[in-house]
PDB file of N, CA and C in Angstrom:
ATOM      1  N   MET A   1      10.976   0.758  -9.034  1.00  0.00           N
ATOM      2  CA  MET A   1       9.912   0.073  -8.360  1.00  0.00           C
ATOM      3  C   MET A   1      10.426   0.372  -6.616  1.00  0.00           C
ATOM      4  N   GLU A   2      11.360  -0.221  -6.824  1.00  0.00           N
ATOM      5  CA  GLU A   2      11.125  -0.441  -4.768  1.00  0.00           C
ATOM      6  C   GLU A   2      11.613   1.191  -4.680  1.00  0.00           C
ATOM      7  N   LYS A   3      12.313   2.196  -5.431  1.00  0.00           N
ATOM      8  CA  LYS A   3      11.829   3.329  -5.476  1.00  0.00           C
ATOM      9  C   LYS A   3      10.287   4.503  -5.429  1.00  0.00           C
ATOM     10  N   ILE A   4       9.345   3.913  -5.753  1.00  0.00           N
ATOM     11  CA  ILE A   4       8.254   3.861  -5.707  1.00  0.00           C
ATOM     12  C   ILE A   4       7.820   3.371  -4.644  1.00  0.00           C
ATOM     13  N   ILE A   5       8.041   2.337  -4.447  1.00  0.00           N
ATOM     14  CA  ILE A   5       7.056   2.094  -3.046  1.00  0.00           C
ATOM     15  C   ILE A   5       8.146   2.530  -1.644  1.00  0.00           C
ATOM     16  N   ALA A   6       9.303   2.920  -1.749  1.00  0.00           N
ATOM     17  CA  ALA A   6       9.791   4.071  -0.556  1.00  0.00           C
ATOM     18  C   ALA A   6       9.087   4.917  -0.623  1.00  0.00           C
ATOM     19  N   THR A   7       9.338   5.596  -0.917  1.00  0.00           N
ATOM     20  CA  THR A   7       8.370   7.311  -1.888  1.00  0.00           C
ATOM     21  C   THR A   7       7.184   6.787  -1.291  1.00  0.00           C
ATOM     22  N   LEU A   8       6.295   6.285  -1.366  1.00  0.00           N
ATOM     23  CA  LEU A   8       4.943   5.775  -1.001  1.00  0.00           C
ATOM     24  C   LEU A   8       4.979   5.815   0.632  1.00  0.00           C
ATOM     25  N   VAL A   9       6.187   4.899   1.413  1.00  0.00           N
ATOM     26  CA  VAL A   9       5.673   4.987   2.405  1.00  0.00           C
ATOM     27  C   VAL A   9       6.297   5.752   3.237  1.00  0.00           C
ATOM     28  N   GLY A  10       7.017   6.651   2.640  1.00  0.00           N
ATOM     29  CA  GLY A  10       7.283   7.398   3.567  1.00  0.00           C
ATOM     30  C   GLY A  10       6.497   9.073   3.283  1.00  0.00           C
ATOM     31  N   THR A  11       5.039   8.692   2.745  1.00  0.00           N
ATOM     32  CA  THR A  11       4.057   9.666   3.116  1.00  0.00           C
ATOM     33  C   THR A  11       2.788   9.039   3.615  1.00  0.00           C
ATOM     34  N   SER A  12       2.668   9.486   4.206  1.00  0.00           N
ATOM     35  CA  SER A  12       0.828   8.870   5.352  1.00  0.00           C
ATOM     36  C   SER A  12       0.322   8.256   4.513  1.00  0.00           C
ATOM     37  N   ILE A  13       0.169   9.280   3.269  1.00  0.00           N
ATOM     38  CA  ILE A  13      -0.893   9.113   2.100  1.00  0.00           C
ATOM     39  C   ILE A  13      -0.509   7.807   1.290  1.00  0.00           C
ATOM     40  N   GLY A  14       0.954   7.699   0.937  1.00  0.00           N
ATOM     41  CA  GLY A  14       1.094   6.310   0.471  1.00  0.00           C
ATOM     42  C   GLY A  14       0.854   5.105   1.393  1.00  0.00           C
ATOM     43  N   ARG A  15       1.127   5.107   2.812  1.00  0.00           N
ATOM     44  CA  ARG A  15       0.780   4.089   3.665  1.00  0.00           C
ATOM     45  C   ARG A  15      -0.107   3.771   3.590  1.00  0.00           C
ATOM     46  N   TRP A  16      -1.352   5.169   3.511  1.00  0.00           N
ATOM     47  CA  TRP A  16      -2.863   4.751   3.694  1.00  0.00           C
ATOM     48  C   TRP A  16      -3.594   3.724   2.467  1.00  0.00           C
ATOM     49  N   LEU A  17      -2.692   4.236   0.898  1.00  0.00           N
ATOM     50  CA  LEU A  17      -3.074   3.476   0.088  1.00  0.00           C
ATOM     51  C   LEU A  17      -2.464   1.950   0.002  1.00  0.00           C
ATOM     52  N   LEU A  18      -0.883   2.160   0.665  1.00  0.00           N
ATOM     53  CA  LEU A  18      -0.611   0.489   0.677  1.00  0.00           C
ATOM     54  C   LEU A  18      -1.451  -0.307   2.044  1.00  0.00           C
ATOM     55  N   LEU A  19      -1.885   0.445   3.225  1.00  0.00           N
ATOM     56  CA  LEU A  19      -3.098  -0.206   3.447  1.00  0.00           C
ATOM     57  C   LEU A  19      -3.941  -0.744   3.372  1.00  0.00           C
ATOM     58  N   LYS A  20      -4.618   0.059   1.442  1.00  0.00           N
ATOM     59  CA  LYS A  20      -6.248  -0.150   1.618  1.00  0.00           C
ATOM     60  C   LYS A  20      -5.462  -1.163   0.581  1.00  0.00           C
ATOM     61  N   MET A  21      -4.760  -1.254  -0.275  1.00  0.00           N
ATOM     62  CA  MET A  21      -4.400  -2.059  -1.241  1.00  0.00           C
ATOM     63  C   MET A  21      -4.409  -3.327  -0.518  1.00  0.00           C
ATOM     64  N   LEU A  22      -3.969  -3.337   0.355  1.00  0.00           N
ATOM     65  CA  LEU A  22      -3.194  -4.779   1.337  1.00  0.00           C
ATOM     66  C   LEU A  22      -4.549  -5.309   1.510  1.00  0.00           C
ATOM     67  N   MET A  23      -5.414  -4.448   2.124  1.00  0.00           N
ATOM     68  CA  MET A  23      -6.681  -4.685   2.789  1.00  0.00           C
ATOM     69  C   MET A  23      -7.909  -5.530   1.028  1.00  0.00           C
ATOM     70  N   GLU A  24      -7.696  -4.934   0.378  1.00  0.00           N
ATOM     71  CA  GLU A  24      -8.193  -5.852  -0.645  1.00  0.00           C
ATOM     72  C   GLU A  24      -7.962  -6.584  -1.436  1.00  0.00           C
ATOM     73  N   LEU A  25      -6.562  -7.150  -1.365  1.00  0.00           N
ATOM     74  CA  LEU A  25      -5.754  -8.259  -2.074  1.00  0.00           C
ATOM     75  C   LEU A  25      -6.595  -9.019  -0.961  1.00  0.00           C
ATOM     76  N   ILE A  26      -6.287  -8.713   0.577  1.00  0.00           N
ATOM     77  CA  ILE A  26      -6.974  -9.999   1.993  1.00  0.00           C
ATOM     78  C   ILE A  26      -8.248 -10.365   1.422  1.00  0.00           C
ATOM     79  N   TYR A  27      -9.157  -9.262   0.665  1.00  0.00           N
ATOM     80  CA  TYR A  27     -10.603  -9.661   0.814  1.00  0.00           C
ATOM     81  C   TYR A  27     -10.905 -10.420  -0.237  1.00  0.00           C
ATOM     82  N   LYS A  28     -10.297  -9.609  -1.283  1.00  0.00           N
ATOM     83  CA  LYS A  28     -10.247 -10.586  -2.459  1.00  0.00           C
ATOM     84  C   LYS A  28      -9.499 -11.951  -2.369  1.00  0.00           C
ATOM     85  N   TRP A  29      -8.621 -12.882  -2.099  1.00  0.00           N
ATOM     86  CA  TRP A  29      -8.173 -13.928  -1.432  1.00  0.00           C
ATOM     87  C   TRP A  29      -8.758 -14.746  -0.351  1.00  0.00           C
ATOM     88  N   SER A  30      -9.597 -13.962   0.303  1.00  0.00           N
ATOM     89  CA  SER A  30      -9.989 -15.061   1.519  1.00  0.00           C
ATOM     90  C   SER A  30     -11.577 -15.033   1.217  1.00  0.00           C
TER      91      SER A  30
END
């Protein structure tokens, strides 16, 4: 799991996906 996250963060597409996921989580929780 940690390797997958590290790989995602290592790529611009991965960063965009993580940011999108964070935004969706924040939107759902607020």
